[in-house]
Amino acid sequence: MNSVFLCTLICLGGLGLILGAGLAFASKRFAVEVNPMVEAVLEILPGANCGGCGYAGCAAYAETVVNKGVSTTLCAPGGADVVQKISQLLGLEVKTTVRKAAYLHCAGSKDKAKDKYIYDGIRDCLMAELLGGGPKACDYGCIGFGSCVEVCQFDALHMGENGLPIVDREKCTACGACVRVCPKNLFDLLPDITIIYLACSSYNKGKAVKDVCSVGCI
């Protein structure tokens, strides 16, 4: 019995050594060299991984900036400070950036816009959109279920008592998450100094607009 146990122990130990040696060899043979400059850029980025730059995350953006010369101005959450630091690190000209924020092109709150049916389903804008464009009578108006609030990583969006999302432009980083998730395409990223903008997205004519929303543009 002892000899069987000892033999098993030796076999397992030998197998472990062989596998360990194989893994050690593979780790060196197939190791991917990381450009230290990529890591340096990644350290500068805010690490939000929001995708606002158009890449899968901060690591992917850092790699393309260093290896492919992609613009250093694409990180909206990082702003001008990140642009300056990355540009200086890479020896590039520091480009001027304009701070942006999200603006909602709809003022049709629940007390001003009519509903065409009572929705009793999942409180998700995309799901509601699949049912005849959502419960709101205006086919272009905000559904008001707060899907944009759910995807905001920076606590810059909150649902107001009037049923419309409110943007906190001090916190908004213009990452574009709300732009991408809104099924009505109601958000735009505009310069934060914007004073006048169109708070309606309806393409209907005057009477058709006013029949469903008291503040719709005509």
C-alpha atoms as a PDB file:
ATOM      1  CA  MET A   1       0.000   0.000   0.000  1.00  0.00           C
ATOM      2  CA  ASN A   2       2.829   2.361   0.910  1.00  0.00           C
ATOM      3  CA  SER A   3       4.683   1.578  -2.304  1.00  0.00           C
ATOM      4  CA  VAL A   4       1.572   2.357  -4.376  1.00  0.00           C
ATOM      5  CA  PHE A   5       1.121   5.654  -2.547  1.00  0.00           C
ATOM      6  CA  LEU A   6       4.793   6.534  -2.998  1.00  0.00           C
ATOM      7  CA  CYS A   7       4.675   5.682  -6.698  1.00  0.00           C
ATOM      8  CA  THR A   8       1.578   7.852  -7.163  1.00  0.00           C
ATOM      9  CA  LEU A   9       3.212  10.713  -5.299  1.00  0.00           C
ATOM     10  CA  ILE A  10       6.345  10.504  -7.440  1.00  0.00           C
ATOM     11  CA  CYS A  11       4.308  10.397 -10.658  1.00  0.00           C
ATOM     12  CA  LEU A  12       2.223  13.405  -9.671  1.00  0.00           C
ATOM     13  CA  GLY A  13       5.317  15.300  -8.568  1.00  0.00           C
ATOM     14  CA  GLY A  14       7.063  14.528 -11.845  1.00  0.00           C
ATOM     15  CA  LEU A  15       4.007  15.549 -13.839  1.00  0.00           C
ATOM     16  CA  GLY A  16       3.839  18.801 -11.897  1.00  0.00           C
ATOM     17  CA  LEU A  17       7.479  19.555 -12.655  1.00  0.00           C
ATOM     18  CA  ILE A  18       6.986  18.850 -16.364  1.00  0.00           C
ATOM     19  CA  LEU A  19       3.879  21.037 -16.570  1.00  0.00           C
ATOM     20  CA  GLY A  20       5.561  23.797 -14.581  1.00  0.00           C
ATOM     21  CA  ALA A  21       8.567  23.753 -16.876  1.00  0.00           C
ATOM     22  CA  GLY A  22       6.240  23.824 -19.890  1.00  0.00           C
ATOM     23  CA  LEU A  23       4.354  26.834 -18.556  1.00  0.00           C
ATOM     24  CA  ALA A  24       7.592  28.650 -17.762  1.00  0.00           C
ATOM     25  CA  PHE A  25       8.852  28.014 -21.295  1.00  0.00           C
ATOM     26  CA  ALA A  26       5.552  29.114 -22.839  1.00  0.00           C
ATOM     27  CA  SER A  27       5.448  32.308 -20.786  1.00  0.00           C
ATOM     28  CA  LYS A  28       8.839  33.313 -22.171  1.00  0.00           C
ATOM     29  CA  ARG A  29       8.362  31.939 -25.670  1.00  0.00           C
ATOM     30  CA  PHE A  30       4.994  33.590 -26.263  1.00  0.00           C
ATOM     31  CA  ALA A  31       5.415  36.659 -24.076  1.00  0.00           C
ATOM     32  CA  VAL A  32       4.012  39.834 -25.616  1.00  0.00           C
ATOM     33  CA  GLU A  33       6.324  42.766 -25.186  1.00  0.00           C
ATOM     34  CA  VAL A  34       4.532  45.868 -23.942  1.00  0.00           C
ATOM     35  CA  ASN A  35       5.838  49.201 -25.090  1.00  0.00           C
ATOM     36  CA  PRO A  36       6.729  51.095 -21.891  1.00  0.00           C
ATOM     37  CA  MET A  37       5.395  54.251 -23.543  1.00  0.00           C
ATOM     38  CA  VAL A  38       1.967  52.600 -23.818  1.00  0.00           C
ATOM     39  CA  GLU A  39       2.025  51.892 -20.104  1.00  0.00           C
ATOM     40  CA  ALA A  40       3.061  55.485 -19.414  1.00  0.00           C
ATOM     41  CA  VAL A  41       0.123  56.818 -21.449  1.00  0.00           C
ATOM     42  CA  LEU A  42      -2.210  54.380 -19.713  1.00  0.00           C
ATOM     43  CA  GLU A  43      -1.087  55.754 -16.356  1.00  0.00           C
ATOM     44  CA  ILE A  44      -2.119  59.248 -17.469  1.00  0.00           C
ATOM     45  CA  LEU A  45      -5.577  58.225 -18.704  1.00  0.00           C
ATOM     46  CA  PRO A  46      -8.394  58.383 -16.115  1.00  0.00           C
ATOM     47  CA  GLY A  47      -9.191  54.661 -16.367  1.00  0.00           C
ATOM     48  CA  ALA A  48     -12.903  55.195 -16.966  1.00  0.00           C
ATOM     49  CA  ASN A  49     -13.000  52.644 -19.822  1.00  0.00           C
ATOM     50  CA  CYS A  50     -16.143  54.418 -21.023  1.00  0.00           C
ATOM     51  CA  GLY A  51     -15.506  53.888 -24.735  1.00  0.00           C
ATOM     52  CA  GLY A  52     -16.052  57.553 -25.510  1.00  0.00           C
ATOM     53  CA  CYS A  53     -12.793  57.636 -27.470  1.00  0.00           C
ATOM     54  CA  GLY A  54     -14.142  55.000 -29.845  1.00  0.00           C
ATOM     55  CA  TYR A  55     -11.940  52.200 -28.520  1.00  0.00           C
ATOM     56  CA  ALA A  56     -12.685  49.250 -26.243  1.00  0.00           C
ATOM     57  CA  GLY A  57     -11.085  50.877 -23.217  1.00  0.00           C
ATOM     58  CA  CYS A  58      -8.221  52.995 -21.946  1.00  0.00           C
ATOM     59  CA  ALA A  59      -5.616  50.306 -22.701  1.00  0.00           C
ATOM     60  CA  ALA A  60      -6.721  50.019 -26.326  1.00  0.00           C
ATOM     61  CA  TYR A  61      -6.704  53.792 -26.716  1.00  0.00           C
ATOM     62  CA  ALA A  62      -3.242  54.115 -25.152  1.00  0.00           C
ATOM     63  CA  GLU A  63      -1.885  51.496 -27.553  1.00  0.00           C
ATOM     64  CA  THR A  64      -3.305  53.206 -30.641  1.00  0.00           C
ATOM     65  CA  VAL A  65      -2.093  56.632 -29.517  1.00  0.00           C
ATOM     66  CA  VAL A  66       1.472  55.361 -29.163  1.00  0.00           C
ATOM     67  CA  ASN A  67       1.657  52.817 -31.980  1.00  0.00           C
ATOM     68  CA  LYS A  68      -0.656  54.328 -34.590  1.00  0.00           C
ATOM     69  CA  GLY A  69      -0.496  58.036 -33.880  1.00  0.00           C
ATOM     70  CA  VAL A  70      -4.189  58.436 -33.067  1.00  0.00           C
ATOM     71  CA  SER A  71      -5.149  61.889 -31.786  1.00  0.00           C
ATOM     72  CA  THR A  72      -4.430  62.609 -28.130  1.00  0.00           C
ATOM     73  CA  THR A  73      -7.671  64.596 -27.824  1.00  0.00           C
ATOM     74  CA  LEU A  74     -10.157  61.700 -27.870  1.00  0.00           C
ATOM     75  CA  CYS A  75     -10.350  61.119 -24.108  1.00  0.00           C
ATOM     76  CA  ALA A  76     -13.299  63.299 -23.111  1.00  0.00           C
ATOM     77  CA  PRO A  77     -13.243  62.400 -19.380  1.00  0.00           C
ATOM     78  CA  GLY A  78      -9.570  63.343 -19.177  1.00  0.00           C
ATOM     79  CA  GLY A  79     -10.067  66.741 -20.749  1.00  0.00           C
ATOM     80  CA  ALA A  80      -7.347  69.256 -21.524  1.00  0.00           C
ATOM     81  CA  ASP A  81      -5.115  68.095 -18.664  1.00  0.00           C
ATOM     82  CA  VAL A  82      -4.787  64.569 -20.094  1.00  0.00           C
ATOM     83  CA  VAL A  83      -4.234  65.925 -23.610  1.00  0.00           C
ATOM     84  CA  GLN A  84      -1.403  68.113 -22.364  1.00  0.00           C
ATOM     85  CA  LYS A  85       0.310  65.363 -20.361  1.00  0.00           C
ATOM     86  CA  ILE A  86       0.130  62.753 -23.144  1.00  0.00           C
ATOM     87  CA  SER A  87       1.273  65.234 -25.785  1.00  0.00           C
ATOM     88  CA  GLN A  88       4.241  66.289 -23.671  1.00  0.00           C
ATOM     89  CA  LEU A  89       5.132  62.662 -22.975  1.00  0.00           C
ATOM     90  CA  LEU A  90       5.125  61.808 -26.684  1.00  0.00           C
ATOM     91  CA  GLY A  91       6.763  65.053 -27.751  1.00  0.00           C
ATOM     92  CA  LEU A  92       3.711  66.208 -29.692  1.00  0.00           C
ATOM     93  CA  GLU A  93       2.141  69.605 -30.120  1.00  0.00           C
ATOM     94  CA  VAL A  94      -0.442  70.258 -27.415  1.00  0.00           C
ATOM     95  CA  LYS A  95      -3.784  70.722 -29.150  1.00  0.00           C
ATOM     96  CA  THR A  96      -6.481  72.982 -27.787  1.00  0.00           C
ATOM     97  CA  THR A  97      -9.674  71.235 -26.719  1.00  0.00           C
ATOM     98  CA  VAL A  98     -13.110  72.628 -25.951  1.00  0.00           C
ATOM     99  CA  ARG A  99     -14.887  71.158 -22.952  1.00  0.00           C
ATOM    100  CA  LYS A 100     -18.174  69.562 -23.936  1.00  0.00           C
ATOM    101  CA  ALA A 101     -21.225  68.271 -22.112  1.00  0.00           C
ATOM    102  CA  ALA A 102     -24.412  66.395 -22.948  1.00  0.00           C
ATOM    103  CA  TYR A 103     -27.516  68.357 -23.958  1.00  0.00           C
ATOM    104  CA  LEU A 104     -31.000  66.851 -24.209  1.00  0.00           C
ATOM    105  CA  HIS A 105     -33.054  67.843 -27.249  1.00  0.00           C
ATOM    106  CA  CYS A 106     -36.447  67.386 -25.622  1.00  0.00           C
ATOM    107  CA  ALA A 107     -38.488  69.482 -23.193  1.00  0.00           C
ATOM    108  CA  GLY A 108     -41.584  67.291 -23.319  1.00  0.00           C
ATOM    109  CA  SER A 109     -41.941  66.498 -19.634  1.00  0.00           C
ATOM    110  CA  LYS A 110     -44.789  64.331 -18.385  1.00  0.00           C
ATOM    111  CA  ASP A 111     -46.906  67.398 -17.582  1.00  0.00           C
ATOM    112  CA  LYS A 112     -46.425  68.859 -21.072  1.00  0.00           C
ATOM    113  CA  ALA A 113     -46.364  65.835 -23.386  1.00  0.00           C
ATOM    114  CA  LYS A 114     -49.237  63.398 -23.814  1.00  0.00           C
ATOM    115  CA  ASP A 115     -49.088  59.610 -23.693  1.00  0.00           C
ATOM    116  CA  LYS A 116     -50.686  57.385 -26.310  1.00  0.00           C
ATOM    117  CA  TYR A 117     -50.982  54.321 -24.077  1.00  0.00           C
ATOM    118  CA  ILE A 118     -50.231  53.108 -20.560  1.00  0.00           C
ATOM    119  CA  TYR A 119     -46.954  51.218 -20.481  1.00  0.00           C
ATOM    120  CA  ASP A 120     -46.717  48.401 -17.947  1.00  0.00           C
ATOM    121  CA  GLY A 121     -43.435  46.697 -18.700  1.00  0.00           C
ATOM    122  CA  ILE A 122     -39.695  46.814 -18.052  1.00  0.00           C
ATOM    123  CA  ARG A 123     -38.621  50.368 -17.284  1.00  0.00           C
ATOM    124  CA  ASP A 124     -36.093  50.540 -20.068  1.00  0.00           C
ATOM    125  CA  CYS A 125     -36.192  53.031 -22.920  1.00  0.00           C
ATOM    126  CA  LEU A 126     -35.045  50.587 -25.585  1.00  0.00           C
ATOM    127  CA  MET A 127     -37.607  47.975 -24.532  1.00  0.00           C
ATOM    128  CA  ALA A 128     -40.388  50.562 -24.543  1.00  0.00           C
ATOM    129  CA  GLU A 129     -39.254  51.861 -27.929  1.00  0.00           C
ATOM    130  CA  LEU A 130     -39.981  48.437 -29.417  1.00  0.00           C
ATOM    131  CA  LEU A 131     -43.674  48.873 -28.570  1.00  0.00           C
ATOM    132  CA  GLY A 132     -44.805  51.388 -31.142  1.00  0.00           C
ATOM    133  CA  GLY A 133     -42.031  53.835 -30.378  1.00  0.00           C
ATOM    134  CA  GLY A 134     -42.813  54.045 -26.667  1.00  0.00           C
ATOM    135  CA  PRO A 135     -45.794  55.328 -24.668  1.00  0.00           C
ATOM    136  CA  LYS A 136     -45.256  59.020 -25.393  1.00  0.00           C
ATOM    137  CA  ALA A 137     -47.553  60.415 -28.087  1.00  0.00           C
ATOM    138  CA  CYS A 138     -44.663  62.343 -29.616  1.00  0.00           C
ATOM    139  CA  ASP A 139     -42.665  59.790 -31.597  1.00  0.00           C
ATOM    140  CA  TYR A 140     -39.539  61.909 -31.199  1.00  0.00           C
ATOM    141  CA  GLY A 141     -39.789  62.666 -27.478  1.00  0.00           C
ATOM    142  CA  CYS A 142     -37.916  61.348 -24.461  1.00  0.00           C
ATOM    143  CA  ILE A 143     -39.435  58.101 -23.178  1.00  0.00           C
ATOM    144  CA  GLY A 144     -38.314  59.025 -19.677  1.00  0.00           C
ATOM    145  CA  PHE A 145     -37.347  55.654 -18.197  1.00  0.00           C
ATOM    146  CA  GLY A 146     -33.791  56.708 -17.401  1.00  0.00           C
ATOM    147  CA  SER A 147     -31.685  54.285 -19.428  1.00  0.00           C
ATOM    148  CA  CYS A 148     -29.252  57.167 -19.904  1.00  0.00           C
ATOM    149  CA  VAL A 149     -28.993  57.603 -16.136  1.00  0.00           C
ATOM    150  CA  GLU A 150     -28.171  53.923 -15.699  1.00  0.00           C
ATOM    151  CA  VAL A 151     -25.207  54.000 -18.091  1.00  0.00           C
ATOM    152  CA  CYS A 152     -23.650  57.232 -16.798  1.00  0.00           C
ATOM    153  CA  GLN A 153     -20.487  56.339 -14.865  1.00  0.00           C
ATOM    154  CA  PHE A 154     -19.928  59.852 -13.586  1.00  0.00           C
ATOM    155  CA  ASP A 155     -23.185  60.530 -11.716  1.00  0.00           C
ATOM    156  CA  ALA A 156     -23.878  63.354 -14.157  1.00  0.00           C
ATOM    157  CA  LEU A 157     -27.444  62.336 -15.026  1.00  0.00           C
ATOM    158  CA  HIS A 158     -30.495  62.157 -12.780  1.00  0.00           C
ATOM    159  CA  MET A 159     -34.176  61.779 -13.508  1.00  0.00           C
ATOM    160  CA  GLY A 160     -36.142  64.893 -12.659  1.00  0.00           C
ATOM    161  CA  GLU A 161     -39.580  64.905 -11.111  1.00  0.00           C
ATOM    162  CA  ASN A 162     -40.933  65.993 -14.496  1.00  0.00           C
ATOM    163  CA  GLY A 163     -39.864  62.686 -16.068  1.00  0.00           C
ATOM    164  CA  LEU A 164     -36.898  64.025 -18.024  1.00  0.00           C
ATOM    165  CA  PRO A 165     -33.201  63.374 -17.374  1.00  0.00           C
ATOM    166  CA  ILE A 166     -31.271  66.311 -15.941  1.00  0.00           C
ATOM    167  CA  VAL A 167     -27.622  66.755 -16.917  1.00  0.00           C
ATOM    168  CA  ASP A 168     -25.194  67.985 -14.279  1.00  0.00           C
ATOM    169  CA  ARG A 169     -22.749  69.689 -16.622  1.00  0.00           C
ATOM    170  CA  GLU A 170     -20.184  70.151 -13.876  1.00  0.00           C
ATOM    171  CA  LYS A 171     -19.884  66.368 -13.610  1.00  0.00           C
ATOM    172  CA  CYS A 172     -20.516  65.507 -17.269  1.00  0.00           C
ATOM    173  CA  THR A 173     -17.349  64.374 -19.049  1.00  0.00           C
ATOM    174  CA  ALA A 174     -18.903  64.078 -22.527  1.00  0.00           C
ATOM    175  CA  CYS A 175     -18.067  60.372 -22.619  1.00  0.00           C
ATOM    176  CA  GLY A 176     -21.030  59.817 -24.947  1.00  0.00           C
ATOM    177  CA  ALA A 177     -22.625  56.899 -23.083  1.00  0.00           C
ATOM    178  CA  CYS A 178     -26.007  58.653 -22.981  1.00  0.00           C
ATOM    179  CA  VAL A 179     -25.728  59.482 -26.683  1.00  0.00           C
ATOM    180  CA  ARG A 180     -25.199  55.838 -27.560  1.00  0.00           C
ATOM    181  CA  VAL A 181     -27.933  54.380 -25.339  1.00  0.00           C
ATOM    182  CA  CYS A 182     -30.804  56.747 -26.166  1.00  0.00           C
ATOM    183  CA  PRO A 183     -33.121  55.044 -28.699  1.00  0.00           C
ATOM    184  CA  LYS A 184     -34.506  58.438 -29.746  1.00  0.00           C
ATOM    185  CA  ASN A 185     -31.057  59.993 -30.346  1.00  0.00           C
ATOM    186  CA  LEU A 186     -31.944  62.945 -28.142  1.00  0.00           C
ATOM    187  CA  PHE A 187     -28.518  63.717 -26.699  1.00  0.00           C
ATOM    188  CA  ASP A 188     -25.781  65.782 -28.295  1.00  0.00           C
ATOM    189  CA  LEU A 189     -22.321  66.631 -27.020  1.00  0.00           C
ATOM    190  CA  LEU A 190     -22.022  70.390 -27.339  1.00  0.00           C
ATOM    191  CA  PRO A 191     -19.489  72.940 -26.080  1.00  0.00           C
ATOM    192  CA  ASP A 192     -20.166  73.592 -22.413  1.00  0.00           C
ATOM    193  CA  ILE A 193     -20.485  77.301 -23.145  1.00  0.00           C
ATOM    194  CA  THR A 194     -23.571  76.663 -25.298  1.00  0.00           C
ATOM    195  CA  ILE A 195     -26.333  79.071 -24.297  1.00  0.00           C
ATOM    196  CA  ILE A 196     -28.944  78.483 -26.992  1.00  0.00           C
ATOM    197  CA  TYR A 197     -29.813  75.057 -28.386  1.00  0.00           C
ATOM    198  CA  LEU A 198     -32.901  73.362 -29.797  1.00  0.00           C
ATOM    199  CA  ALA A 199     -34.734  71.512 -27.014  1.00  0.00           C
ATOM    200  CA  CYS A 200     -36.998  69.601 -29.384  1.00  0.00           C
ATOM    201  CA  SER A 201     -36.387  66.857 -31.927  1.00  0.00           C
ATOM    202  CA  SER A 202     -39.774  66.604 -33.618  1.00  0.00           C
ATOM    203  CA  TYR A 203     -39.944  66.642 -37.402  1.00  0.00           C
ATOM    204  CA  ASN A 204     -43.726  66.959 -37.459  1.00  0.00           C
ATOM    205  CA  LYS A 205     -45.579  70.053 -38.603  1.00  0.00           C
ATOM    206  CA  GLY A 206     -46.981  72.634 -36.216  1.00  0.00           C
ATOM    207  CA  LYS A 207     -50.452  71.283 -35.455  1.00  0.00           C
ATOM    208  CA  ALA A 208     -49.265  67.685 -35.169  1.00  0.00           C
ATOM    209  CA  VAL A 209     -46.598  68.805 -32.705  1.00  0.00           C
ATOM    210  CA  LYS A 210     -48.926  70.898 -30.548  1.00  0.00           C
ATOM    211  CA  ASP A 211     -51.530  68.136 -30.443  1.00  0.00           C
ATOM    212  CA  VAL A 212     -49.134  65.952 -28.452  1.00  0.00           C
ATOM    213  CA  CYS A 213     -46.797  68.407 -26.692  1.00  0.00           C
ATOM    214  CA  SER A 214     -47.463  71.926 -25.438  1.00  0.00           C
ATOM    215  CA  VAL A 215     -43.788  72.963 -25.668  1.00  0.00           C
ATOM    216  CA  GLY A 216     -42.894  71.274 -28.959  1.00  0.00           C
ATOM    217  CA  CYS A 217     -41.179  73.356 -31.629  1.00  0.00           C
ATOM    218  CA  ILE A 218     -43.147  74.304 -34.739  1.00  0.00           C
END
